[in-house]
Protein backbone atom coordinates (compact mmCIF):
# COMPACT_ATOMS: atom_id res chain seq x y z
CA UNK A 1 -37.31 -81.25 -198.15
CA UNK A 2 -33.79 -79.98 -198.79
CA UNK A 3 -32.74 -80.69 -195.20
CA UNK A 4 -33.45 -83.71 -193.03
CA UNK A 5 -35.55 -82.77 -190.03
CA UNK A 6 -33.43 -81.91 -187.02
CA UNK A 7 -30.33 -81.14 -189.12
CA UNK A 8 -29.04 -77.62 -188.71
CA UNK A 9 -27.75 -75.53 -191.59
CA UNK A 10 -24.00 -75.10 -191.48
CA UNK A 11 -22.49 -71.70 -191.03
CA UNK A 12 -20.37 -70.52 -193.98
CA UNK A 13 -17.57 -69.56 -191.60
CA UNK A 14 -17.37 -72.73 -189.53
CA UNK A 15 -17.69 -76.48 -189.61
CA UNK A 16 -21.05 -76.40 -187.83
CA UNK A 17 -23.75 -73.86 -187.07
CA UNK A 18 -22.38 -73.11 -183.61
CA UNK A 19 -18.94 -72.16 -184.94
CA UNK A 20 -17.22 -75.02 -183.08
CA UNK A 21 -16.86 -77.50 -185.94
CA UNK A 22 -13.79 -79.39 -187.04
CA UNK A 23 -12.56 -76.52 -189.23
CA UNK A 24 -13.41 -73.14 -187.69
CA UNK A 25 -13.22 -70.58 -190.48
CA UNK A 26 -13.61 -67.14 -189.02
CA UNK A 27 -12.16 -64.56 -191.37
CA UNK A 28 -9.26 -63.67 -189.09
CA UNK A 29 -8.43 -67.34 -188.44
CA UNK A 30 -8.35 -68.05 -192.18
CA UNK A 31 -6.01 -65.11 -192.77
CA UNK A 32 -3.76 -66.24 -189.91
CA UNK A 33 -3.62 -69.78 -191.29
CA UNK A 34 -2.91 -68.64 -194.85
CA UNK A 35 -0.05 -66.41 -193.69
CA UNK A 36 1.33 -69.34 -191.69
CA UNK A 37 1.14 -71.67 -194.71
CA UNK A 38 2.93 -69.13 -196.89
CA UNK A 39 5.66 -68.50 -194.31
CA UNK A 40 6.17 -72.25 -193.88
CA UNK A 41 7.36 -72.34 -197.51
CA UNK A 42 10.44 -70.40 -196.39
CA UNK A 43 11.30 -73.18 -193.94
CA UNK A 44 10.49 -75.86 -196.51
CA UNK A 45 12.70 -74.41 -199.28
CA UNK A 46 15.52 -73.72 -196.80
CA UNK A 47 15.38 -77.41 -195.87
CA UNK A 48 15.38 -78.43 -199.54
CA UNK A 49 18.43 -76.23 -200.10
CA UNK A 50 20.20 -77.95 -197.18
CA UNK A 51 19.35 -81.34 -198.70
CA UNK A 52 20.82 -80.28 -202.05
CA UNK A 53 23.97 -79.07 -200.31
CA UNK A 54 24.03 -82.28 -198.24
CA UNK A 55 24.35 -80.25 -195.05
CA UNK A 56 23.52 -83.01 -192.57
CA UNK A 57 23.12 -80.92 -189.41
CA UNK A 58 20.78 -78.44 -191.05
CA UNK A 59 18.86 -81.16 -192.85
CA UNK A 60 18.13 -82.63 -189.42
CA UNK A 61 17.09 -79.25 -188.04
CA UNK A 62 14.86 -78.50 -191.03
CA UNK A 63 13.08 -81.85 -190.91
CA UNK A 64 12.58 -81.57 -187.15
CA UNK A 65 11.26 -78.01 -187.45
CA UNK A 66 8.88 -78.97 -190.26
CA UNK A 67 7.66 -81.91 -188.19
CA UNK A 68 6.88 -79.59 -185.29
CA UNK A 69 5.08 -77.26 -187.69
CA UNK A 70 2.75 -79.95 -189.07
CA UNK A 71 2.31 -81.78 -185.75
CA UNK A 72 -0.65 -79.70 -184.46
CA UNK A 73 -2.28 -79.72 -187.91
CA UNK A 74 -2.06 -83.51 -188.15
CA UNK A 75 -2.95 -84.23 -184.52
CA UNK A 76 -6.05 -81.99 -184.58
CA UNK A 77 -6.90 -82.83 -188.21
CA UNK A 78 -7.48 -79.14 -188.72
CA UNK A 79 -5.40 -77.25 -191.35
CA UNK A 80 -6.33 -73.98 -189.65
CA UNK A 81 -4.50 -74.98 -186.45
CA UNK A 82 -1.21 -73.72 -187.87
CA UNK A 83 1.18 -71.84 -185.64
CA UNK A 84 1.34 -68.03 -186.06
CA UNK A 85 3.18 -66.91 -189.19
CA UNK A 86 5.77 -64.80 -187.35
CA UNK A 87 6.87 -67.82 -185.33
CA UNK A 88 7.34 -69.80 -188.54
CA UNK A 89 9.57 -67.03 -189.88
CA UNK A 90 11.48 -67.01 -186.59
CA UNK A 91 11.93 -70.77 -186.89
CA UNK A 92 13.29 -70.34 -190.43
CA UNK A 93 15.69 -67.53 -189.55
CA UNK A 94 18.58 -69.72 -188.25
CA UNK A 95 18.60 -71.67 -191.51
CA UNK A 96 18.53 -68.47 -193.56
CA UNK A 97 21.35 -67.12 -191.40
CA UNK A 98 23.37 -70.27 -192.02
CA UNK A 99 22.67 -70.22 -195.76
CA UNK A 100 23.86 -66.60 -195.96
CA UNK A 101 27.10 -67.50 -194.16
CA UNK A 102 29.01 -67.69 -197.43
CA UNK A 103 27.70 -64.36 -198.72
CA UNK A 104 30.73 -62.28 -199.66
CA UNK A 105 28.54 -59.21 -200.11
CA UNK A 106 27.24 -59.39 -196.52
CA UNK A 107 30.74 -60.05 -195.16
CA UNK A 108 32.12 -57.03 -197.01
CA UNK A 109 29.19 -54.84 -195.97
CA UNK A 110 29.16 -55.77 -192.27
CA UNK A 111 32.31 -56.60 -190.33
CA UNK A 112 30.33 -58.53 -187.72
CA UNK A 113 28.42 -60.71 -190.20
CA UNK A 114 30.73 -63.76 -190.00
CA UNK A 115 30.54 -63.71 -186.19
CA UNK A 116 26.75 -63.52 -186.35
CA UNK A 117 26.37 -66.42 -188.77
CA UNK A 118 28.61 -68.58 -186.58
CA UNK A 119 25.90 -68.38 -183.90
CA UNK A 120 23.19 -69.77 -186.20
CA UNK A 121 23.34 -73.22 -184.62
CA UNK A 122 22.86 -71.89 -181.07
CA UNK A 123 20.06 -69.67 -182.35
CA UNK A 124 18.36 -72.65 -184.00
CA UNK A 125 18.00 -74.57 -180.74
CA UNK A 126 16.57 -71.57 -178.90
CA UNK A 127 13.93 -71.09 -181.63
CA UNK A 128 12.89 -74.73 -181.16
CA UNK A 129 12.48 -74.06 -177.44
CA UNK A 130 10.38 -71.02 -178.28
CA UNK A 131 8.19 -73.00 -180.68
CA UNK A 132 7.62 -75.90 -178.28
CA UNK A 133 6.52 -73.47 -175.57
CA UNK A 134 4.06 -71.82 -177.97
CA UNK A 135 2.65 -75.17 -179.05
CA UNK A 136 2.16 -76.26 -175.44
CA UNK A 137 0.24 -73.04 -174.82
CA UNK A 138 -1.86 -73.31 -177.98
CA UNK A 139 -2.71 -77.01 -178.14
CA UNK A 140 -2.58 -78.33 -174.58
CA UNK A 141 -3.99 -77.36 -171.20
CA UNK A 142 -0.56 -76.12 -170.05
CA UNK A 143 -0.58 -72.47 -168.96
CA UNK A 144 2.39 -70.42 -167.73
CA UNK A 145 2.93 -66.96 -166.35
CA UNK A 146 5.70 -64.79 -167.75
CA UNK A 147 8.54 -65.65 -165.32
CA UNK A 148 7.95 -69.39 -165.67
CA UNK A 149 7.64 -69.16 -169.47
CA UNK A 150 11.10 -67.53 -169.62
CA UNK A 151 12.52 -70.27 -167.38
CA UNK A 152 10.77 -72.99 -169.43
CA UNK A 153 12.15 -71.76 -172.77
CA UNK A 154 15.69 -71.62 -171.32
CA UNK A 155 15.50 -75.10 -169.77
CA UNK A 156 13.89 -76.61 -172.87
CA UNK A 157 16.61 -75.09 -175.04
CA UNK A 158 19.37 -76.48 -172.81
CA UNK A 159 17.81 -79.93 -172.61
CA UNK A 160 17.43 -80.27 -176.36
CA UNK A 161 20.98 -79.01 -176.86
CA UNK A 162 22.22 -81.88 -174.68
CA UNK A 163 20.46 -84.45 -176.86
CA UNK A 164 21.71 -82.67 -179.98
CA UNK A 165 25.34 -82.74 -178.83
CA UNK A 166 24.96 -86.43 -177.99
CA UNK A 167 23.66 -87.05 -181.52
CA UNK A 168 26.64 -85.18 -182.98
CA UNK A 169 29.03 -87.26 -180.89
CA UNK A 170 27.41 -90.51 -182.05
CA UNK A 171 27.53 -89.27 -185.65
CA UNK A 172 31.22 -88.42 -185.37
CA UNK A 173 31.95 -91.85 -183.88
CA UNK A 174 30.02 -93.78 -186.52
CA UNK A 175 30.82 -91.81 -189.66
CA UNK A 176 34.19 -90.27 -188.86
CA UNK A 177 32.93 -86.70 -189.12
CA UNK A 178 34.33 -83.84 -187.03
CA UNK A 179 31.26 -81.87 -185.96
CA UNK A 180 32.65 -81.74 -182.41
CA UNK A 181 36.27 -80.62 -182.48
CA UNK A 182 37.07 -80.53 -178.76
CA UNK A 183 35.57 -80.20 -175.29
CA UNK A 184 36.25 -76.46 -175.42
CA UNK A 185 34.14 -76.18 -178.57
CA UNK A 186 31.30 -78.11 -176.94
CA UNK A 187 31.35 -75.92 -173.83
CA UNK A 188 31.48 -72.78 -175.96
CA UNK A 189 28.43 -73.97 -177.87
CA UNK A 190 26.60 -74.61 -174.60
CA UNK A 191 27.38 -71.08 -173.41
CA UNK A 192 26.02 -69.54 -176.61
CA UNK A 193 22.98 -71.82 -176.48
CA UNK A 194 22.33 -70.70 -172.90
CA UNK A 195 22.55 -67.05 -173.95
CA UNK A 196 20.28 -67.70 -176.92
CA UNK A 197 17.79 -69.51 -174.69
CA UNK A 198 17.68 -66.63 -172.19
CA UNK A 199 17.15 -64.07 -174.95
CA UNK A 200 14.48 -66.22 -176.58
CA UNK A 201 12.74 -66.69 -173.24
CA UNK A 202 12.43 -62.94 -172.73
CA UNK A 203 11.38 -62.58 -176.35
CA UNK A 204 8.59 -65.08 -175.75
CA UNK A 205 7.34 -63.18 -172.70
CA UNK A 206 7.44 -59.89 -174.64
CA UNK A 207 5.68 -61.55 -177.59
CA UNK A 208 2.77 -62.76 -175.45
CA UNK A 209 2.49 -59.43 -173.67
CA UNK A 210 2.47 -57.46 -176.92
CA UNK A 211 -0.18 -59.64 -178.57
CA UNK A 212 -3.66 -58.14 -178.51
CA UNK A 213 -6.36 -59.84 -176.47
CA UNK A 214 -8.49 -60.40 -179.57
CA UNK A 215 -5.69 -62.10 -181.52
CA UNK A 216 -4.57 -64.28 -178.62
CA UNK A 217 -8.14 -65.51 -178.19
CA UNK A 218 -8.48 -66.12 -181.93
CA UNK A 219 -5.31 -68.18 -181.99
CA UNK A 220 -6.15 -69.94 -178.74
CA UNK A 221 -2.61 -69.09 -177.72
CA UNK A 222 -3.23 -68.36 -174.06
CA UNK A 223 -5.79 -67.37 -171.48
CA UNK A 224 -5.19 -63.63 -171.28
CA UNK A 225 -5.61 -63.34 -167.53
CA UNK A 226 -2.93 -65.94 -166.84
CA UNK A 227 -0.10 -63.94 -168.39
CA UNK A 228 -1.13 -60.34 -168.84
CA UNK A 229 -2.28 -59.58 -165.31
């Protein structure tokens, strides 16, 4: 006999016949994962560029962001448990903004471009807060309604910014760098990080609300009734 008695034939779209195997492969989930893998290349090559330029701060951000990207894949041992592709692009955007800071063409074209690129660091921390909130929703039993999710993103962004500033201070003390110029600069960064966190919190709530029920269930992002009612 081709099959041992009692063994069920595996479904071509899942790890087991009941569709709940180690690697669920519904068509939509495969497409979502492939788009996420492709978009993660943007983050990867942006990090490589920062390494080649020896841009220490952005090397740290890139490695940390990539670690958060692969964390659910490694912890679940499921390559299809990748975060949504648009969140990966959002995570990459601060690095792309920083890389484009020296673009003379953009500076000549848009008078506000230099001011925008100067906020890339504050934007980077708020995207991390956004990502961590999404991963908690997708891969743990944590569930939040919209008001609390906004508050959580803001508080997570501020808390990580405190640790980041501490790391910059230690780096300046040990290596003689000048990442932190003065207390005024630090406080100004905190203000922009707070603004970025608030905006990212509302963006997260809008993102969950705008997502279709079918896609949110496919991604396992959230129980629909907990946020959308």
